[in-house]
Amino acid sequence: MKITILCTSDTHGFIEPTNYVDKGFTKPFGIGKAASTIQAYKMAHPDEKIIVIDNGDFLEGSPLSYLSLKKLIHTTATSITNVITMLAIN
């Protein structure tokens, strides 16, 4: 049996790879990209036991997460948590 551990860390509320200010700004990060990468790995390796973990710092650091924590705590923070749930963290 092969066990693979996939890990995310320090996503800082970045759902999309953008700073939410500069149009066209993209980076190779974001929860959405991580979720796609994890899903693709799982599909390519159906016989492996895969454990997905997150090391934290997922809700602090981006303009969206700042707004979530300061202004719209109940609606937006819940939305970010729902996105994290898409990662299927064990």
N, C-alpha and C. Protein backbone atom coordinates (compact mmCIF):
# COMPACT_ATOMS: atom_id res chain seq x y z
N MET A 1 0.85 -1.17 0.00
CA MET A 1 0.00 0.00 0.00
C MET A 1 0.90 1.24 0.00
N LYS A 2 0.55 2.20 -0.84
CA LYS A 2 1.28 3.46 -0.90
C LYS A 2 0.42 4.54 -0.27
N ILE A 3 1.01 5.31 0.64
CA ILE A 3 0.33 6.43 1.28
C ILE A 3 1.02 7.71 0.85
N THR A 4 0.24 8.66 0.37
CA THR A 4 0.76 9.95 -0.05
C THR A 4 0.15 11.03 0.83
N ILE A 5 0.98 11.94 1.31
CA ILE A 5 0.49 13.06 2.10
C ILE A 5 0.64 14.32 1.25
N LEU A 6 -0.47 15.00 1.01
CA LEU A 6 -0.47 16.27 0.29
C LEU A 6 -0.76 17.36 1.31
N CYS A 7 -0.05 18.46 1.21
CA CYS A 7 -0.15 19.49 2.24
C CYS A 7 -0.27 20.88 1.62
N THR A 8 -1.16 21.68 2.19
CA THR A 8 -1.21 23.10 1.86
C THR A 8 -0.77 23.86 3.11
N SER A 9 -0.28 25.07 2.91
CA SER A 9 0.18 25.87 4.04
C SER A 9 0.22 27.34 3.64
N ASP A 10 -0.11 28.19 4.57
CA ASP A 10 0.03 29.63 4.39
C ASP A 10 -0.70 30.16 3.15
N THR A 11 -1.93 29.74 2.95
CA THR A 11 -2.69 30.23 1.80
C THR A 11 -3.22 31.64 2.03
N HIS A 12 -3.29 32.07 3.27
CA HIS A 12 -3.60 33.46 3.64
C HIS A 12 -4.85 34.03 2.99
N GLY A 13 -5.87 33.23 2.83
CA GLY A 13 -7.13 33.73 2.30
C GLY A 13 -7.15 33.97 0.80
N PHE A 14 -6.11 33.57 0.11
CA PHE A 14 -6.07 33.75 -1.35
C PHE A 14 -6.82 32.62 -2.03
N ILE A 15 -8.08 32.88 -2.37
CA ILE A 15 -8.87 31.90 -3.11
C ILE A 15 -8.40 31.89 -4.56
N GLU A 16 -8.30 33.05 -5.13
CA GLU A 16 -7.80 33.23 -6.49
C GLU A 16 -6.37 33.74 -6.43
N PRO A 17 -5.56 33.51 -7.45
CA PRO A 17 -4.16 33.96 -7.44
C PRO A 17 -4.03 35.43 -7.81
N THR A 18 -4.62 36.28 -7.01
CA THR A 18 -4.63 37.71 -7.30
C THR A 18 -4.47 38.51 -6.02
N ASN A 19 -4.07 39.76 -6.17
CA ASN A 19 -4.02 40.63 -5.00
C ASN A 19 -5.29 41.47 -4.88
N TYR A 20 -6.27 41.22 -5.75
CA TYR A 20 -7.59 41.87 -5.76
C TYR A 20 -7.52 43.37 -6.07
N VAL A 21 -6.36 43.86 -6.47
CA VAL A 21 -6.21 45.28 -6.77
C VAL A 21 -5.77 45.48 -8.22
N ASP A 22 -4.67 44.83 -8.59
CA ASP A 22 -4.09 45.01 -9.92
C ASP A 22 -4.70 44.04 -10.92
N LYS A 23 -5.38 44.60 -11.93
CA LYS A 23 -5.98 43.75 -12.96
C LYS A 23 -4.88 43.01 -13.72
N GLY A 24 -5.09 41.75 -13.92
CA GLY A 24 -4.11 40.94 -14.63
C GLY A 24 -3.01 40.36 -13.76
N PHE A 25 -3.01 40.70 -12.47
CA PHE A 25 -2.01 40.17 -11.54
C PHE A 25 -2.36 38.73 -11.20
N THR A 26 -1.50 37.81 -11.56
CA THR A 26 -1.71 36.41 -11.19
C THR A 26 -0.40 35.81 -10.71
N LYS A 27 -0.52 34.91 -9.79
CA LYS A 27 0.62 34.21 -9.24
C LYS A 27 0.30 32.72 -9.19
N PRO A 28 1.31 31.89 -9.03
CA PRO A 28 1.06 30.44 -8.98
C PRO A 28 0.62 29.97 -7.59
N PHE A 29 -0.39 30.61 -7.04
CA PHE A 29 -0.88 30.21 -5.73
C PHE A 29 -2.38 30.40 -5.65
N GLY A 30 -2.94 30.07 -4.54
CA GLY A 30 -4.37 30.22 -4.32
C GLY A 30 -5.02 28.89 -3.98
N ILE A 31 -6.06 28.97 -3.17
CA ILE A 31 -6.77 27.78 -2.74
C ILE A 31 -7.40 27.07 -3.94
N GLY A 32 -7.89 27.84 -4.89
CA GLY A 32 -8.49 27.24 -6.09
C GLY A 32 -7.49 26.39 -6.86
N LYS A 33 -6.27 26.91 -7.03
CA LYS A 33 -5.24 26.15 -7.74
C LYS A 33 -4.83 24.92 -6.93
N ALA A 34 -4.74 25.06 -5.62
CA ALA A 34 -4.39 23.92 -4.78
C ALA A 34 -5.45 22.83 -4.89
N ALA A 35 -6.72 23.23 -4.84
CA ALA A 35 -7.81 22.25 -4.94
C ALA A 35 -7.77 21.52 -6.27
N SER A 36 -7.50 22.24 -7.35
CA SER A 36 -7.41 21.61 -8.68
C SER A 36 -6.24 20.64 -8.75
N THR A 37 -5.11 21.03 -8.18
CA THR A 37 -3.93 20.17 -8.18
C THR A 37 -4.17 18.91 -7.37
N ILE A 38 -4.78 19.06 -6.20
CA ILE A 38 -5.08 17.90 -5.35
C ILE A 38 -6.06 16.96 -6.05
N GLN A 39 -7.09 17.52 -6.64
CA GLN A 39 -8.08 16.69 -7.35
C GLN A 39 -7.43 15.94 -8.51
N ALA A 40 -6.59 16.62 -9.27
CA ALA A 40 -5.91 15.97 -10.40
C ALA A 40 -4.99 14.85 -9.91
N TYR A 41 -4.30 15.07 -8.81
CA TYR A 41 -3.43 14.03 -8.27
C TYR A 41 -4.24 12.81 -7.85
N LYS A 42 -5.35 13.06 -7.16
CA LYS A 42 -6.20 11.95 -6.71
C LYS A 42 -6.73 11.14 -7.89
N MET A 43 -7.12 11.83 -8.95
CA MET A 43 -7.64 11.14 -10.13
C MET A 43 -6.55 10.34 -10.84
N ALA A 44 -5.33 10.85 -10.84
CA ALA A 44 -4.22 10.18 -11.51
C ALA A 44 -3.66 9.01 -10.70
N HIS A 45 -3.99 8.95 -9.42
CA HIS A 45 -3.46 7.91 -8.53
C HIS A 45 -4.58 7.27 -7.72
N PRO A 46 -5.52 6.60 -8.39
CA PRO A 46 -6.70 6.07 -7.69
C PRO A 46 -6.39 4.94 -6.70
N ASP A 47 -5.25 4.28 -6.84
CA ASP A 47 -4.93 3.17 -5.95
C ASP A 47 -4.16 3.60 -4.69
N GLU A 48 -3.80 4.87 -4.60
CA GLU A 48 -3.05 5.34 -3.44
C GLU A 48 -4.00 5.78 -2.33
N LYS A 49 -3.54 5.63 -1.13
CA LYS A 49 -4.22 6.23 0.02
C LYS A 49 -3.65 7.63 0.15
N ILE A 50 -4.50 8.65 0.04
CA ILE A 50 -4.05 10.03 0.02
C ILE A 50 -4.61 10.77 1.23
N ILE A 51 -3.71 11.38 1.96
CA ILE A 51 -4.08 12.19 3.12
C ILE A 51 -3.79 13.64 2.77
N VAL A 52 -4.78 14.51 2.95
CA VAL A 52 -4.62 15.94 2.66
C VAL A 52 -4.67 16.69 3.98
N ILE A 53 -3.64 17.50 4.22
CA ILE A 53 -3.60 18.29 5.45
C ILE A 53 -3.34 19.76 5.12
N ASP A 54 -3.66 20.62 6.05
CA ASP A 54 -3.35 22.04 5.92
C ASP A 54 -2.61 22.46 7.19
N ASN A 55 -1.53 23.21 7.02
CA ASN A 55 -0.71 23.63 8.15
C ASN A 55 -1.16 24.94 8.78
N GLY A 56 -2.23 25.53 8.28
CA GLY A 56 -2.75 26.74 8.91
C GLY A 56 -2.46 28.01 8.14
N ASP A 57 -2.79 29.12 8.78
CA ASP A 57 -2.68 30.46 8.18
C ASP A 57 -3.49 30.55 6.89
N PHE A 58 -4.71 30.04 6.93
CA PHE A 58 -5.52 30.08 5.71
C PHE A 58 -6.47 31.27 5.67
N LEU A 59 -6.69 31.97 6.77
CA LEU A 59 -7.71 33.02 6.77
C LEU A 59 -7.15 34.40 7.10
N GLU A 60 -5.88 34.64 6.91
CA GLU A 60 -5.30 35.93 7.23
C GLU A 60 -4.25 36.27 6.19
N GLY A 61 -4.33 37.47 5.63
CA GLY A 61 -3.25 37.90 4.76
C GLY A 61 -3.64 38.51 3.43
N SER A 62 -4.83 38.23 2.92
CA SER A 62 -5.24 38.82 1.65
C SER A 62 -6.27 39.92 1.91
N PRO A 63 -6.46 40.82 0.95
CA PRO A 63 -7.51 41.83 1.12
C PRO A 63 -8.88 41.21 1.35
N LEU A 64 -9.18 40.10 0.68
CA LEU A 64 -10.47 39.45 0.88
C LEU A 64 -10.61 38.92 2.30
N SER A 65 -9.57 38.29 2.80
CA SER A 65 -9.66 37.75 4.16
C SER A 65 -9.72 38.88 5.18
N TYR A 66 -9.02 39.99 4.93
CA TYR A 66 -9.10 41.14 5.83
C TYR A 66 -10.53 41.66 5.89
N LEU A 67 -11.15 41.82 4.74
CA LEU A 67 -12.54 42.28 4.68
C LEU A 67 -13.44 41.29 5.41
N SER A 68 -13.19 40.01 5.21
CA SER A 68 -13.99 38.98 5.86
C SER A 68 -13.94 39.11 7.37
N LEU A 69 -12.74 39.30 7.88
CA LEU A 69 -12.57 39.34 9.33
C LEU A 69 -13.05 40.64 9.95
N LYS A 70 -12.95 41.74 9.23
CA LYS A 70 -13.28 43.05 9.81
C LYS A 70 -14.70 43.52 9.52
N LYS A 71 -15.25 43.16 8.38
CA LYS A 71 -16.53 43.74 7.97
C LYS A 71 -17.66 42.73 7.80
N LEU A 72 -17.37 41.63 7.17
CA LEU A 72 -18.42 40.69 6.79
C LEU A 72 -18.19 39.32 7.40
N ILE A 73 -17.85 39.29 8.65
CA ILE A 73 -17.38 38.07 9.29
C ILE A 73 -18.30 36.88 9.07
N HIS A 74 -19.59 37.05 9.13
CA HIS A 74 -20.48 35.90 9.07
C HIS A 74 -20.65 35.35 7.65
N THR A 75 -20.75 36.21 6.66
CA THR A 75 -21.02 35.72 5.31
C THR A 75 -19.75 35.34 4.55
N THR A 76 -18.78 36.24 4.50
CA THR A 76 -17.59 35.99 3.69
C THR A 76 -16.67 34.96 4.34
N ALA A 77 -16.50 35.04 5.65
CA ALA A 77 -15.65 34.05 6.33
C ALA A 77 -16.21 32.66 6.13
N THR A 78 -17.53 32.54 6.18
CA THR A 78 -18.15 31.24 5.92
C THR A 78 -17.87 30.80 4.50
N SER A 79 -17.89 31.72 3.54
CA SER A 79 -17.59 31.37 2.15
C SER A 79 -16.16 30.88 2.01
N ILE A 80 -15.22 31.54 2.67
CA ILE A 80 -13.82 31.10 2.61
C ILE A 80 -13.68 29.72 3.24
N THR A 81 -14.36 29.49 4.35
CA THR A 81 -14.32 28.18 4.99
C THR A 81 -14.90 27.12 4.06
N ASN A 82 -15.95 27.45 3.32
CA ASN A 82 -16.51 26.51 2.36
C ASN A 82 -15.51 26.16 1.26
N VAL A 83 -14.73 27.15 0.84
CA VAL A 83 -13.71 26.90 -0.18
C VAL A 83 -12.64 25.96 0.38
N ILE A 84 -12.23 26.19 1.61
CA ILE A 84 -11.26 25.30 2.25
C ILE A 84 -11.80 23.87 2.31
N THR A 85 -13.10 23.74 2.56
CA THR A 85 -13.73 22.42 2.62
C THR A 85 -13.57 21.67 1.29
N MET A 86 -13.53 22.41 0.19
CA MET A 86 -13.35 21.78 -1.13
C MET A 86 -12.02 21.03 -1.23
N LEU A 87 -11.05 21.40 -0.40
CA LEU A 87 -9.76 20.71 -0.42
C LEU A 87 -9.87 19.29 0.14
N ALA A 88 -10.96 18.97 0.80
CA ALA A 88 -11.18 17.64 1.40
C ALA A 88 -10.04 17.29 2.34
N ILE A 89 -9.77 18.20 3.26
CA ILE A 89 -8.70 17.99 4.23
C ILE A 89 -9.10 16.89 5.20
N ASN A 90 -8.16 15.99 5.46
CA ASN A 90 -8.41 14.89 6.38
C ASN A 90 -8.21 15.35 7.80
